[in-house]
Amino acid sequence: MKVAIIKFLGTNCDGDVFHAVELAKGEPEYVWFTEQNLDNFGGAVIPGGFSYGDHLRAGAISSKTPVIDSLRKMVNDGKPVLGICNGAQIGLEANFSKGILTDNNCAHFICKWVYIKVENNETPFTKQYKKGQVLKIPIAHAEGKFYADEETVKEMYEKNMVVFKYCDAEGNITEEANPNGSVDNIAGVCNEAGNCVLLMPHPERASELELGSNDGLKMFTSMIE
C-alpha cells in the first residue's frame, strides 16, 4: 500500500515514519503540504515536528495549508490517516476529531518513555493489539495536554473515540502516570468512523527493539494490513 508521509515546514520525524512504514512492508512516499490530490495513496501519516515553529499555536498554521483538504477527503473516504505528535495537533486543529491539545501542566517540554493502554482496538491502527494491552512508547512535546469539556469527553467514550490512555507499566490509569495533565489520561483519539487516529506518543520511535521498544510497530503493520 502506498502511504503518503506529509511534510510541512518544520516537520522533523518524517524520516523515522518513512522507515517504520518500510518495516511494515508499506510503500512510503514523501508529500509536501502544497499537494492537493492524495487519491493515489491508500493512507497517510502526518509526522511530528514543529511545523512553522509552533509560532502561532502548535499545528494551527499547518491546518490551513492545501494538503489538509486532501487529507480530509482521504478521511471522509474511509482511508487510514495517522497523526503523530505535531501531526495530532494539526489533525485536531483541522477538526479531524474532537478536543484540543494545549500546554503541558508542567509548562515545559517533556521527552521520555511512557506507557499507554489500548482502549479501542477496532481502528485500522490498533486492530493487531488486544484491548487493554499496555505499550511502551516515548513522548516528546510541550503542548500535549488533551482537553475537551465534560460533555464532549462523555460523547467521545460513547462513540469509542478514545483510543489510548496514559497508564503505568501494569496498566493502571493513575494521575502519576499522566505526563502532561491530559483530561482522563487521554493520549490518543480518533474520529467517529475510527479511520483517523491522532496521538501524542511516537510509535515510530518504538518500532525496533534496538530503540528500546517495538510496541509501536503494529500501528504501521496494522495500517498496511
N, C-alpha and C. Protein backbone atom coordinates (compact mmCIF):
# COMPACT_ATOMS: atom_id res chain seq x y z
N MET A 1 0.84 -1.20 0.00
CA MET A 1 0.00 0.00 0.00
C MET A 1 0.87 1.24 0.00
N LYS A 2 0.56 2.21 -0.85
CA LYS A 2 1.26 3.47 -0.88
C LYS A 2 0.78 4.36 0.27
N VAL A 3 1.72 4.88 1.04
CA VAL A 3 1.41 5.71 2.20
C VAL A 3 2.05 7.07 2.03
N ALA A 4 1.26 8.13 2.07
CA ALA A 4 1.77 9.48 1.97
C ALA A 4 2.33 9.93 3.32
N ILE A 5 3.58 10.36 3.34
CA ILE A 5 4.19 10.93 4.55
C ILE A 5 4.21 12.44 4.35
N ILE A 6 3.34 13.14 5.04
CA ILE A 6 3.14 14.57 4.79
C ILE A 6 4.26 15.40 5.44
N LYS A 7 4.86 16.28 4.64
CA LYS A 7 5.93 17.14 5.12
C LYS A 7 5.48 18.60 5.15
N PHE A 8 5.65 19.22 6.32
CA PHE A 8 5.41 20.66 6.47
C PHE A 8 6.75 21.34 6.76
N LEU A 9 6.77 22.66 6.71
CA LEU A 9 7.98 23.38 7.10
C LEU A 9 8.14 23.23 8.61
N GLY A 10 9.15 22.49 9.03
CA GLY A 10 9.37 22.24 10.45
C GLY A 10 9.13 20.80 10.85
N THR A 11 8.59 19.97 9.94
CA THR A 11 8.46 18.53 10.22
C THR A 11 9.85 17.94 10.41
N ASN A 12 10.03 17.11 11.45
CA ASN A 12 11.36 16.52 11.65
C ASN A 12 11.32 15.02 11.97
N CYS A 13 10.14 14.41 11.92
CA CYS A 13 10.04 12.98 12.20
C CYS A 13 9.64 12.19 10.96
N ASP A 14 9.69 12.85 9.81
CA ASP A 14 9.27 12.21 8.57
C ASP A 14 10.14 11.02 8.19
N GLY A 15 11.46 11.13 8.42
CA GLY A 15 12.36 10.02 8.10
C GLY A 15 12.11 8.81 8.98
N ASP A 16 11.83 9.06 10.25
CA ASP A 16 11.52 7.97 11.19
C ASP A 16 10.25 7.24 10.77
N VAL A 17 9.23 8.01 10.38
CA VAL A 17 7.97 7.42 9.95
C VAL A 17 8.15 6.65 8.64
N PHE A 18 8.92 7.22 7.72
CA PHE A 18 9.22 6.56 6.45
C PHE A 18 9.81 5.17 6.71
N HIS A 19 10.78 5.10 7.62
CA HIS A 19 11.44 3.85 7.96
C HIS A 19 10.45 2.86 8.60
N ALA A 20 9.60 3.36 9.50
CA ALA A 20 8.62 2.49 10.16
C ALA A 20 7.64 1.90 9.15
N VAL A 21 7.21 2.70 8.19
CA VAL A 21 6.29 2.20 7.15
C VAL A 21 6.99 1.16 6.30
N GLU A 22 8.26 1.37 6.01
CA GLU A 22 9.03 0.36 5.26
C GLU A 22 9.13 -0.94 6.05
N LEU A 23 9.40 -0.84 7.35
CA LEU A 23 9.46 -2.03 8.20
C LEU A 23 8.13 -2.79 8.16
N ALA A 24 7.04 -2.05 8.01
CA ALA A 24 5.71 -2.66 7.98
C ALA A 24 5.34 -3.17 6.58
N LYS A 25 6.31 -3.09 5.65
CA LYS A 25 6.12 -3.57 4.27
C LYS A 25 5.17 -2.69 3.46
N GLY A 26 5.09 -1.43 3.86
CA GLY A 26 4.32 -0.47 3.07
C GLY A 26 5.21 0.24 2.09
N GLU A 27 4.64 1.13 1.28
CA GLU A 27 5.37 1.89 0.28
C GLU A 27 5.25 3.37 0.61
N PRO A 28 6.16 3.90 1.45
CA PRO A 28 6.06 5.30 1.84
C PRO A 28 6.54 6.25 0.75
N GLU A 29 5.95 7.42 0.72
CA GLU A 29 6.36 8.45 -0.23
C GLU A 29 6.16 9.81 0.42
N TYR A 30 7.20 10.65 0.37
CA TYR A 30 7.07 11.99 0.93
C TYR A 30 6.15 12.86 0.07
N VAL A 31 5.29 13.61 0.74
CA VAL A 31 4.36 14.51 0.05
C VAL A 31 4.39 15.86 0.76
N TRP A 32 4.60 16.93 0.00
CA TRP A 32 4.65 18.26 0.60
C TRP A 32 3.25 18.82 0.89
N PHE A 33 3.22 19.77 1.81
CA PHE A 33 1.97 20.38 2.28
C PHE A 33 1.22 21.12 1.18
N THR A 34 1.87 21.32 0.04
CA THR A 34 1.23 22.01 -1.08
C THR A 34 0.39 21.07 -1.95
N GLU A 35 0.49 19.76 -1.73
CA GLU A 35 -0.20 18.78 -2.57
C GLU A 35 -1.72 18.88 -2.37
N GLN A 36 -2.45 18.81 -3.47
CA GLN A 36 -3.91 18.93 -3.39
C GLN A 36 -4.65 17.68 -3.85
N ASN A 37 -3.90 16.59 -4.10
CA ASN A 37 -4.55 15.36 -4.53
C ASN A 37 -3.80 14.15 -3.97
N LEU A 38 -4.45 13.41 -3.10
CA LEU A 38 -3.86 12.21 -2.50
C LEU A 38 -4.59 10.94 -2.93
N ASP A 39 -5.31 11.03 -4.03
CA ASP A 39 -6.15 9.90 -4.46
C ASP A 39 -5.35 8.64 -4.76
N ASN A 40 -4.07 8.79 -5.12
CA ASN A 40 -3.26 7.62 -5.48
C ASN A 40 -2.70 6.89 -4.25
N PHE A 41 -2.98 7.40 -3.06
CA PHE A 41 -2.45 6.80 -1.84
C PHE A 41 -3.54 6.03 -1.10
N GLY A 42 -3.12 4.94 -0.47
CA GLY A 42 -4.06 4.15 0.31
C GLY A 42 -4.23 4.65 1.73
N GLY A 43 -3.30 5.48 2.19
CA GLY A 43 -3.35 6.03 3.54
C GLY A 43 -2.31 7.12 3.69
N ALA A 44 -2.28 7.75 4.87
CA ALA A 44 -1.34 8.84 5.10
C ALA A 44 -0.94 8.90 6.57
N VAL A 45 0.27 9.44 6.80
CA VAL A 45 0.74 9.71 8.16
C VAL A 45 1.19 11.17 8.21
N ILE A 46 0.72 11.89 9.23
CA ILE A 46 1.17 13.26 9.48
C ILE A 46 2.20 13.15 10.62
N PRO A 47 3.49 13.30 10.33
CA PRO A 47 4.52 13.07 11.34
C PRO A 47 4.65 14.22 12.34
N GLY A 48 5.51 13.99 13.32
CA GLY A 48 5.77 15.01 14.33
C GLY A 48 6.81 16.02 13.89
N GLY A 49 7.03 17.00 14.75
CA GLY A 49 7.99 18.07 14.48
C GLY A 49 7.49 19.36 15.09
N PHE A 50 7.89 20.45 14.50
CA PHE A 50 7.48 21.78 14.98
C PHE A 50 7.09 22.60 13.76
N SER A 51 5.98 22.23 13.14
CA SER A 51 5.58 22.89 11.90
C SER A 51 5.42 24.39 12.11
N TYR A 52 6.09 25.13 11.23
CA TYR A 52 6.10 26.60 11.29
C TYR A 52 6.55 27.10 12.67
N GLY A 53 7.40 26.30 13.32
CA GLY A 53 7.98 26.70 14.60
C GLY A 53 6.98 26.83 15.73
N ASP A 54 5.76 26.33 15.54
CA ASP A 54 4.72 26.49 16.56
C ASP A 54 4.53 27.96 16.94
N HIS A 55 4.82 28.87 15.99
CA HIS A 55 4.83 30.29 16.32
C HIS A 55 3.46 30.84 16.69
N LEU A 56 2.42 30.37 16.05
CA LEU A 56 1.07 30.83 16.40
C LEU A 56 0.49 29.94 17.48
N ARG A 57 0.44 28.66 17.20
CA ARG A 57 -0.08 27.64 18.11
C ARG A 57 0.25 26.32 17.41
N ALA A 58 0.66 25.33 18.17
CA ALA A 58 1.11 24.08 17.56
C ALA A 58 0.07 23.52 16.60
N GLY A 59 0.45 23.40 15.32
CA GLY A 59 -0.41 22.82 14.30
C GLY A 59 -1.37 23.79 13.64
N ALA A 60 -1.50 24.99 14.17
CA ALA A 60 -2.53 25.92 13.69
C ALA A 60 -2.28 26.37 12.25
N ILE A 61 -1.04 26.73 11.93
CA ILE A 61 -0.74 27.22 10.59
C ILE A 61 -0.82 26.07 9.58
N SER A 62 -0.26 24.93 9.95
CA SER A 62 -0.28 23.77 9.04
C SER A 62 -1.70 23.34 8.70
N SER A 63 -2.63 23.51 9.65
CA SER A 63 -4.01 23.09 9.43
C SER A 63 -4.72 23.91 8.36
N LYS A 64 -4.08 24.99 7.88
CA LYS A 64 -4.67 25.85 6.85
C LYS A 64 -3.98 25.68 5.50
N THR A 65 -3.09 24.70 5.37
CA THR A 65 -2.35 24.50 4.13
C THR A 65 -3.16 23.65 3.14
N PRO A 66 -2.79 23.68 1.84
CA PRO A 66 -3.57 22.98 0.81
C PRO A 66 -3.78 21.49 1.05
N VAL A 67 -2.78 20.80 1.63
CA VAL A 67 -2.89 19.35 1.76
C VAL A 67 -3.99 18.92 2.73
N ILE A 68 -4.42 19.81 3.59
CA ILE A 68 -5.43 19.45 4.59
C ILE A 68 -6.75 19.04 3.94
N ASP A 69 -7.16 19.75 2.91
CA ASP A 69 -8.40 19.37 2.22
C ASP A 69 -8.25 17.98 1.59
N SER A 70 -7.05 17.68 1.09
CA SER A 70 -6.78 16.36 0.52
C SER A 70 -6.84 15.29 1.60
N LEU A 71 -6.30 15.59 2.78
CA LEU A 71 -6.35 14.66 3.90
C LEU A 71 -7.78 14.48 4.39
N ARG A 72 -8.54 15.56 4.42
CA ARG A 72 -9.94 15.48 4.85
C ARG A 72 -10.74 14.59 3.90
N LYS A 73 -10.47 14.70 2.62
CA LYS A 73 -11.13 13.83 1.65
C LYS A 73 -10.75 12.37 1.89
N MET A 74 -9.46 12.14 2.19
CA MET A 74 -9.00 10.79 2.48
C MET A 74 -9.71 10.22 3.71
N VAL A 75 -9.85 11.04 4.75
CA VAL A 75 -10.55 10.62 5.96
C VAL A 75 -12.02 10.31 5.64
N ASN A 76 -12.65 11.21 4.90
CA ASN A 76 -14.06 11.02 4.55
C ASN A 76 -14.28 9.81 3.65
N ASP A 77 -13.25 9.43 2.89
CA ASP A 77 -13.33 8.25 2.02
C ASP A 77 -13.07 6.95 2.79
N GLY A 78 -12.74 7.08 4.08
CA GLY A 78 -12.53 5.90 4.91
C GLY A 78 -11.12 5.34 4.88
N LYS A 79 -10.18 6.09 4.29
CA LYS A 79 -8.80 5.62 4.26
C LYS A 79 -8.12 5.90 5.60
N PRO A 80 -7.10 5.09 5.98
CA PRO A 80 -6.44 5.28 7.27
C PRO A 80 -5.51 6.49 7.27
N VAL A 81 -5.70 7.37 8.25
CA VAL A 81 -4.86 8.56 8.41
C VAL A 81 -4.40 8.61 9.86
N LEU A 82 -3.09 8.70 10.05
CA LEU A 82 -2.49 8.72 11.39
C LEU A 82 -1.78 10.04 11.62
N GLY A 83 -2.08 10.72 12.72
CA GLY A 83 -1.39 11.95 13.10
C GLY A 83 -0.61 11.72 14.37
N ILE A 84 0.71 11.97 14.33
CA ILE A 84 1.60 11.70 15.46
C ILE A 84 2.15 13.01 16.01
N CYS A 85 1.96 13.27 17.29
CA CYS A 85 2.51 14.44 17.99
C CYS A 85 2.09 15.73 17.28
N ASN A 86 3.00 16.43 16.61
CA ASN A 86 2.60 17.63 15.88
C ASN A 86 1.54 17.30 14.83
N GLY A 87 1.60 16.07 14.30
CA GLY A 87 0.58 15.62 13.36
C GLY A 87 -0.78 15.49 14.02
N ALA A 88 -0.80 15.11 15.30
CA ALA A 88 -2.05 15.05 16.06
C ALA A 88 -2.57 16.46 16.32
N GLN A 89 -1.66 17.37 16.64
CA GLN A 89 -2.05 18.77 16.85
C GLN A 89 -2.66 19.35 15.57
N ILE A 90 -2.04 19.04 14.43
CA ILE A 90 -2.55 19.51 13.14
C ILE A 90 -3.92 18.91 12.87
N GLY A 91 -4.06 17.61 13.14
CA GLY A 91 -5.33 16.93 12.91
C GLY A 91 -6.47 17.50 13.74
N LEU A 92 -6.19 17.82 14.99
CA LEU A 92 -7.24 18.39 15.85
C LEU A 92 -7.53 19.83 15.45
N GLU A 93 -6.51 20.59 15.04
CA GLU A 93 -6.76 21.95 14.55
C GLU A 93 -7.64 21.92 13.30
N ALA A 94 -7.51 20.83 12.52
CA ALA A 94 -8.32 20.68 11.30
C ALA A 94 -9.66 20.02 11.58
N ASN A 95 -9.94 19.75 12.86
CA ASN A 95 -11.21 19.14 13.29
C ASN A 95 -11.42 17.72 12.75
N PHE A 96 -10.33 16.95 12.65
CA PHE A 96 -10.46 15.55 12.26
C PHE A 96 -11.03 14.72 13.40
N SER A 97 -10.93 15.21 14.62
CA SER A 97 -11.55 14.59 15.79
C SER A 97 -11.91 15.69 16.75
N LYS A 98 -12.36 15.32 17.94
CA LYS A 98 -12.80 16.30 18.93
C LYS A 98 -11.71 16.59 19.95
N GLY A 99 -11.79 17.77 20.57
CA GLY A 99 -10.84 18.15 21.60
C GLY A 99 -9.72 19.02 21.07
N ILE A 100 -8.85 19.46 21.99
CA ILE A 100 -7.69 20.28 21.62
C ILE A 100 -6.47 19.76 22.37
N LEU A 101 -5.31 20.22 21.93
CA LEU A 101 -4.05 19.92 22.62
C LEU A 101 -3.42 21.25 23.02
N THR A 102 -3.09 21.37 24.31
CA THR A 102 -2.59 22.63 24.83
C THR A 102 -1.36 22.40 25.70
N ASP A 103 -0.88 23.46 26.35
CA ASP A 103 0.37 23.38 27.12
C ASP A 103 0.32 22.32 28.21
N ASN A 104 1.42 21.58 28.34
CA ASN A 104 1.56 20.62 29.44
C ASN A 104 1.37 21.32 30.78
N ASN A 105 0.86 20.60 31.75
CA ASN A 105 0.69 21.17 33.09
C ASN A 105 2.00 21.68 33.67
N CYS A 106 3.10 20.99 33.34
CA CYS A 106 4.40 21.38 33.90
C CYS A 106 4.99 22.59 33.18
N ALA A 107 4.36 23.01 32.07
CA ALA A 107 4.76 24.20 31.32
C ALA A 107 6.14 24.11 30.70
N HIS A 108 6.59 22.90 30.41
CA HIS A 108 7.85 22.77 29.67
C HIS A 108 7.82 21.52 28.80
N PHE A 109 8.81 21.40 27.94
CA PHE A 109 8.92 20.27 27.01
C PHE A 109 9.26 19.00 27.77
N ILE A 110 8.58 17.90 27.43
CA ILE A 110 8.83 16.60 28.06
C ILE A 110 9.27 15.62 26.99
N CYS A 111 10.36 14.91 27.25
CA CYS A 111 10.84 13.88 26.33
C CYS A 111 11.24 12.66 27.17
N LYS A 112 10.40 11.62 27.15
CA LYS A 112 10.68 10.45 27.95
C LYS A 112 9.80 9.28 27.50
N TRP A 113 10.13 8.09 28.01
CA TRP A 113 9.31 6.92 27.74
C TRP A 113 8.10 6.92 28.66
N VAL A 114 6.96 6.53 28.11
CA VAL A 114 5.74 6.41 28.92
C VAL A 114 5.05 5.10 28.54
N TYR A 115 3.99 4.79 29.27
CA TYR A 115 3.16 3.63 28.95
C TYR A 115 1.77 4.13 28.56
N ILE A 116 1.22 3.51 27.54
CA ILE A 116 -0.15 3.83 27.14
C ILE A 116 -0.96 2.54 27.02
N LYS A 117 -2.24 2.65 27.30
CA LYS A 117 -3.14 1.50 27.28
C LYS A 117 -4.07 1.60 26.08
N VAL A 118 -4.24 0.49 25.38
CA VAL A 118 -5.12 0.45 24.22
C VAL A 118 -6.57 0.39 24.70
N GLU A 119 -7.33 1.43 24.41
CA GLU A 119 -8.74 1.49 24.80
C GLU A 119 -9.66 1.07 23.65
N ASN A 120 -9.21 1.27 22.43
CA ASN A 120 -10.00 0.94 21.25
C ASN A 120 -9.11 0.18 20.28
N ASN A 121 -9.35 -1.10 20.11
CA ASN A 121 -8.54 -1.90 19.17
C ASN A 121 -9.32 -2.22 17.90
N GLU A 122 -10.24 -1.33 17.54
CA GLU A 122 -11.05 -1.54 16.35
C GLU A 122 -10.72 -0.55 15.24
N THR A 123 -9.65 0.22 15.39
CA THR A 123 -9.23 1.15 14.34
C THR A 123 -8.25 0.45 13.40
N PRO A 124 -7.98 1.03 12.22
CA PRO A 124 -7.01 0.43 11.30
C PRO A 124 -5.59 0.40 11.87
N PHE A 125 -5.35 1.15 12.94
CA PHE A 125 -4.00 1.23 13.52
C PHE A 125 -3.85 0.39 14.79
N THR A 126 -4.95 -0.12 15.33
CA THR A 126 -4.88 -0.83 16.61
C THR A 126 -5.44 -2.24 16.56
N LYS A 127 -5.88 -2.70 15.40
CA LYS A 127 -6.55 -4.00 15.33
C LYS A 127 -5.61 -5.18 15.61
N GLN A 128 -4.30 -4.96 15.58
CA GLN A 128 -3.35 -6.03 15.90
C GLN A 128 -3.00 -6.06 17.38
N TYR A 129 -3.55 -5.13 18.15
CA TYR A 129 -3.37 -5.12 19.60
C TYR A 129 -4.60 -5.71 20.27
N LYS A 130 -4.43 -6.09 21.53
CA LYS A 130 -5.56 -6.51 22.34
C LYS A 130 -6.08 -5.31 23.12
N LYS A 131 -7.37 -5.25 23.32
CA LYS A 131 -7.92 -4.18 24.15
C LYS A 131 -7.37 -4.31 25.55
N GLY A 132 -6.88 -3.21 26.11
CA GLY A 132 -6.26 -3.23 27.43
C GLY A 132 -4.78 -3.49 27.40
N GLN A 133 -4.21 -3.76 26.22
CA GLN A 133 -2.77 -4.02 26.11
C GLN A 133 -1.98 -2.77 26.45
N VAL A 134 -0.87 -2.93 27.16
CA VAL A 134 -0.03 -1.82 27.57
C VAL A 134 1.18 -1.72 26.63
N LEU A 135 1.43 -0.53 26.11
CA LEU A 135 2.52 -0.29 25.17
C LEU A 135 3.53 0.68 25.77
N LYS A 136 4.81 0.41 25.51
CA LYS A 136 5.88 1.32 25.93
C LYS A 136 6.25 2.19 24.72
N ILE A 137 5.93 3.48 24.80
CA ILE A 137 6.10 4.40 23.67
C ILE A 137 6.65 5.73 24.21
N PRO A 138 7.58 6.38 23.51
CA PRO A 138 8.09 7.67 24.01
C PRO A 138 7.22 8.85 23.62
N ILE A 139 7.31 9.91 24.41
CA ILE A 139 6.66 11.18 24.09
C ILE A 139 7.74 12.25 23.95
N ALA A 140 7.42 13.32 23.24
CA ALA A 140 8.33 14.46 23.09
C ALA A 140 7.49 15.66 22.68
N HIS A 141 7.00 16.40 23.67
CA HIS A 141 6.11 17.52 23.36
C HIS A 141 6.03 18.54 24.50
N ALA A 142 5.64 19.75 24.13
CA ALA A 142 5.38 20.81 25.11
C ALA A 142 3.90 21.16 25.17
N GLU A 143 3.18 20.83 24.08
CA GLU A 143 1.74 21.12 24.02
C GLU A 143 1.00 19.81 23.74
N GLY A 144 1.04 18.91 24.71
CA GLY A 144 0.45 17.59 24.50
C GLY A 144 -0.73 17.29 25.41
N LYS A 145 -1.13 18.26 26.19
CA LYS A 145 -2.24 18.06 27.13
C LYS A 145 -3.57 18.05 26.38
N PHE A 146 -4.23 16.90 26.36
CA PHE A 146 -5.52 16.81 25.69
C PHE A 146 -6.61 17.41 26.58
N TYR A 147 -7.45 18.22 25.95
CA TYR A 147 -8.56 18.81 26.71
C TYR A 147 -9.83 18.79 25.88
N ALA A 148 -10.92 18.45 26.53
CA ALA A 148 -12.27 18.60 26.00
C ALA A 148 -13.19 18.74 27.20
N ASP A 149 -14.30 19.43 27.04
CA ASP A 149 -15.21 19.60 28.17
C ASP A 149 -15.88 18.27 28.53
N GLU A 150 -16.49 18.25 29.69
CA GLU A 150 -17.06 17.00 30.22
C GLU A 150 -18.07 16.36 29.27
N GLU A 151 -18.91 17.19 28.67
CA GLU A 151 -19.93 16.67 27.75
C GLU A 151 -19.29 16.05 26.51
N THR A 152 -18.24 16.70 25.99
CA THR A 152 -17.55 16.17 24.80
C THR A 152 -16.85 14.86 25.11
N VAL A 153 -16.18 14.80 26.26
CA VAL A 153 -15.49 13.57 26.65
C VAL A 153 -16.48 12.42 26.79
N LYS A 154 -17.62 12.70 27.40
CA LYS A 154 -18.67 11.68 27.54
C LYS A 154 -19.11 11.17 26.17
N GLU A 155 -19.30 12.10 25.23
CA GLU A 155 -19.70 11.72 23.87
C GLU A 155 -18.63 10.88 23.20
N MET A 156 -17.37 11.24 23.44
CA MET A 156 -16.27 10.51 22.82
C MET A 156 -16.21 9.06 23.32
N TYR A 157 -16.46 8.87 24.60
CA TYR A 157 -16.49 7.50 25.13
C TYR A 157 -17.67 6.72 24.54
N GLU A 158 -18.80 7.38 24.42
CA GLU A 158 -19.98 6.72 23.88
C GLU A 158 -19.77 6.28 22.43
N LYS A 159 -18.95 7.05 21.70
CA LYS A 159 -18.71 6.75 20.28
C LYS A 159 -17.38 6.04 20.05
N ASN A 160 -16.75 5.57 21.14
CA ASN A 160 -15.49 4.81 21.07
C ASN A 160 -14.37 5.60 20.39
N MET A 161 -14.29 6.89 20.71
CA MET A 161 -13.30 7.77 20.09
C MET A 161 -12.04 7.95 20.92
N VAL A 162 -11.99 7.35 22.10
CA VAL A 162 -10.76 7.37 22.92
C VAL A 162 -9.98 6.10 22.59
N VAL A 163 -8.78 6.27 22.05
CA VAL A 163 -8.00 5.13 21.54
C VAL A 163 -6.91 4.70 22.52
N PHE A 164 -6.21 5.67 23.11
CA PHE A 164 -5.12 5.36 24.04
C PHE A 164 -5.23 6.23 25.29
N LYS A 165 -4.79 5.67 26.44
CA LYS A 165 -4.73 6.43 27.68
C LYS A 165 -3.39 6.19 28.35
N TYR A 166 -2.83 7.22 28.95
CA TYR A 166 -1.59 7.08 29.71
C TYR A 166 -1.83 6.21 30.94
N CYS A 167 -0.88 5.31 31.22
CA CYS A 167 -1.02 4.40 32.35
C CYS A 167 0.37 4.07 32.90
N ASP A 168 0.41 3.24 33.95
CA ASP A 168 1.70 2.77 34.43
C ASP A 168 2.02 1.43 33.76
N ALA A 169 3.14 0.83 34.12
CA ALA A 169 3.60 -0.39 33.46
C ALA A 169 2.63 -1.55 33.63
N GLU A 170 1.80 -1.49 34.67
CA GLU A 170 0.82 -2.55 34.92
C GLU A 170 -0.54 -2.25 34.28
N GLY A 171 -0.65 -1.08 33.66
CA GLY A 171 -1.91 -0.72 33.01
C GLY A 171 -2.86 0.07 33.88
N ASN A 172 -2.41 0.50 35.05
CA ASN A 172 -3.27 1.29 35.93
C ASN A 172 -3.34 2.75 35.45
N ILE A 173 -4.54 3.27 35.33
CA ILE A 173 -4.74 4.66 34.91
C ILE A 173 -4.67 5.54 36.15
N THR A 174 -3.54 6.19 36.35
CA THR A 174 -3.34 6.98 37.57
C THR A 174 -2.89 8.39 37.21
N GLU A 175 -3.03 9.29 38.18
CA GLU A 175 -2.58 10.67 37.98
C GLU A 175 -1.06 10.71 37.80
N GLU A 176 -0.36 9.83 38.52
CA GLU A 176 1.11 9.79 38.44
C GLU A 176 1.59 9.36 37.06
N ALA A 177 0.78 8.57 36.36
CA ALA A 177 1.16 8.07 35.03
C ALA A 177 0.81 9.06 33.92
N ASN A 178 0.17 10.17 34.29
CA ASN A 178 -0.26 11.17 33.32
C ASN A 178 0.86 12.22 33.18
N PRO A 179 1.61 12.24 32.07
CA PRO A 179 2.79 13.10 31.99
C PRO A 179 2.50 14.57 31.74
N ASN A 180 1.31 14.90 31.24
CA ASN A 180 1.07 16.28 30.81
C ASN A 180 -0.22 16.91 31.31
N GLY A 181 -1.01 16.16 32.07
CA GLY A 181 -2.26 16.69 32.60
C GLY A 181 -3.47 16.48 31.69
N SER A 182 -3.34 15.61 30.70
CA SER A 182 -4.45 15.35 29.79
C SER A 182 -5.70 14.92 30.54
N VAL A 183 -6.85 15.40 30.10
CA VAL A 183 -8.13 15.02 30.70
C VAL A 183 -8.28 13.51 30.65
N ASP A 184 -8.56 12.91 31.81
CA ASP A 184 -8.81 11.47 31.91
C ASP A 184 -7.67 10.64 31.33
N ASN A 185 -6.43 11.18 31.35
CA ASN A 185 -5.23 10.47 30.88
C ASN A 185 -5.27 10.15 29.38
N ILE A 186 -6.06 10.87 28.61
CA ILE A 186 -6.22 10.57 27.18
C ILE A 186 -4.94 10.89 26.41
N ALA A 187 -4.42 9.89 25.69
CA ALA A 187 -3.18 10.04 24.92
C ALA A 187 -3.41 9.99 23.42
N GLY A 188 -4.56 9.46 23.01
CA GLY A 188 -4.85 9.35 21.58
C GLY A 188 -6.34 9.21 21.34
N VAL A 189 -6.81 9.81 20.25
CA VAL A 189 -8.24 9.80 19.93
C VAL A 189 -8.43 9.46 18.45
N CYS A 190 -9.67 9.27 18.06
CA CYS A 190 -9.97 9.02 16.65
C CYS A 190 -11.26 9.74 16.26
N ASN A 191 -11.56 9.73 14.98
CA ASN A 191 -12.83 10.26 14.51
C ASN A 191 -13.93 9.24 14.75
N GLU A 192 -15.16 9.59 14.48
CA GLU A 192 -16.28 8.68 14.75
C GLU A 192 -16.18 7.40 13.94
N ALA A 193 -15.69 7.50 12.72
CA ALA A 193 -15.56 6.31 11.87
C ALA A 193 -14.40 5.43 12.30
N GLY A 194 -13.44 6.01 13.04
CA GLY A 194 -12.32 5.23 13.56
C GLY A 194 -11.12 5.13 12.63
N ASN A 195 -11.21 5.66 11.41
CA ASN A 195 -10.10 5.50 10.46
C ASN A 195 -9.04 6.59 10.55
N CYS A 196 -9.28 7.62 11.37
CA CYS A 196 -8.28 8.66 11.60
C CYS A 196 -7.92 8.67 13.08
N VAL A 197 -6.67 8.32 13.39
CA VAL A 197 -6.20 8.27 14.77
C VAL A 197 -5.15 9.36 14.98
N LEU A 198 -5.29 10.09 16.07
CA LEU A 198 -4.37 11.18 16.43
C LEU A 198 -3.85 10.92 17.83
N LEU A 199 -2.51 10.79 17.96
CA LEU A 199 -1.93 10.51 19.27
C LEU A 199 -0.66 11.31 19.48
N MET A 200 -0.37 11.63 20.74
CA MET A 200 0.84 12.38 21.06
C MET A 200 2.09 11.50 21.15
N PRO A 201 2.05 10.30 21.72
CA PRO A 201 3.25 9.44 21.74
C PRO A 201 3.71 9.08 20.33
N HIS A 202 5.00 8.74 20.20
CA HIS A 202 5.65 8.48 18.91
C HIS A 202 5.83 6.98 18.65
N PRO A 203 4.91 6.31 17.97
CA PRO A 203 5.08 4.88 17.70
C PRO A 203 6.26 4.58 16.79
N GLU A 204 6.61 5.53 15.90
CA GLU A 204 7.75 5.29 15.00
C GLU A 204 9.06 5.22 15.76
N ARG A 205 9.12 5.82 16.94
CA ARG A 205 10.33 5.76 17.78
C ARG A 205 10.34 4.52 18.66
N ALA A 206 9.32 3.70 18.50
CA ALA A 206 9.24 2.42 19.22
C ALA A 206 8.91 1.32 18.22
N SER A 207 9.64 1.33 17.10
CA SER A 207 9.36 0.39 16.02
C SER A 207 10.40 -0.72 15.89
N GLU A 208 11.47 -0.64 16.68
CA GLU A 208 12.52 -1.66 16.66
C GLU A 208 13.05 -1.83 18.09
N LEU A 209 13.39 -3.06 18.44
CA LEU A 209 13.88 -3.33 19.80
C LEU A 209 15.15 -2.55 20.10
N GLU A 210 15.96 -2.27 19.08
CA GLU A 210 17.19 -1.51 19.28
C GLU A 210 16.91 -0.10 19.82
N LEU A 211 15.70 0.36 19.61
CA LEU A 211 15.32 1.70 20.07
C LEU A 211 14.85 1.68 21.52
N GLY A 212 14.60 0.49 22.07
CA GLY A 212 14.12 0.37 23.44
C GLY A 212 12.75 -0.27 23.53
N SER A 213 12.04 -0.34 22.40
CA SER A 213 10.73 -0.98 22.34
C SER A 213 10.31 -1.09 20.87
N ASN A 214 9.59 -2.16 20.56
CA ASN A 214 8.99 -2.24 19.22
C ASN A 214 7.46 -2.29 19.31
N ASP A 215 6.94 -1.80 20.43
CA ASP A 215 5.49 -1.83 20.67
C ASP A 215 4.72 -0.97 19.67
N GLY A 216 5.37 0.02 19.06
CA GLY A 216 4.67 0.90 18.15
C GLY A 216 4.57 0.38 16.73
N LEU A 217 5.36 -0.65 16.38
CA LEU A 217 5.40 -1.12 15.00
C LEU A 217 4.04 -1.62 14.51
N LYS A 218 3.26 -2.24 15.41
CA LYS A 218 1.98 -2.80 14.99
C LYS A 218 0.99 -1.73 14.52
N MET A 219 1.21 -0.46 14.91
CA MET A 219 0.32 0.58 14.38
C MET A 219 0.50 0.71 12.88
N PHE A 220 1.73 0.46 12.42
CA PHE A 220 2.02 0.58 11.00
C PHE A 220 1.71 -0.73 10.25
N THR A 221 2.02 -1.88 10.85
CA THR A 221 1.67 -3.14 10.19
C THR A 221 0.15 -3.31 10.14
N SER A 222 -0.52 -2.84 11.16
CA SER A 222 -1.99 -2.89 11.17
C SER A 222 -2.56 -2.01 10.07
N MET A 223 -1.97 -0.83 9.92
CA MET A 223 -2.40 0.10 8.86
C MET A 223 -2.25 -0.54 7.49
N ILE A 224 -1.09 -1.15 7.23
CA ILE A 224 -0.84 -1.76 5.93
C ILE A 224 -1.77 -2.94 5.68
N GLU A 225 -2.01 -3.72 6.74
CA GLU A 225 -2.92 -4.87 6.61
C GLU A 225 -4.32 -4.42 6.24
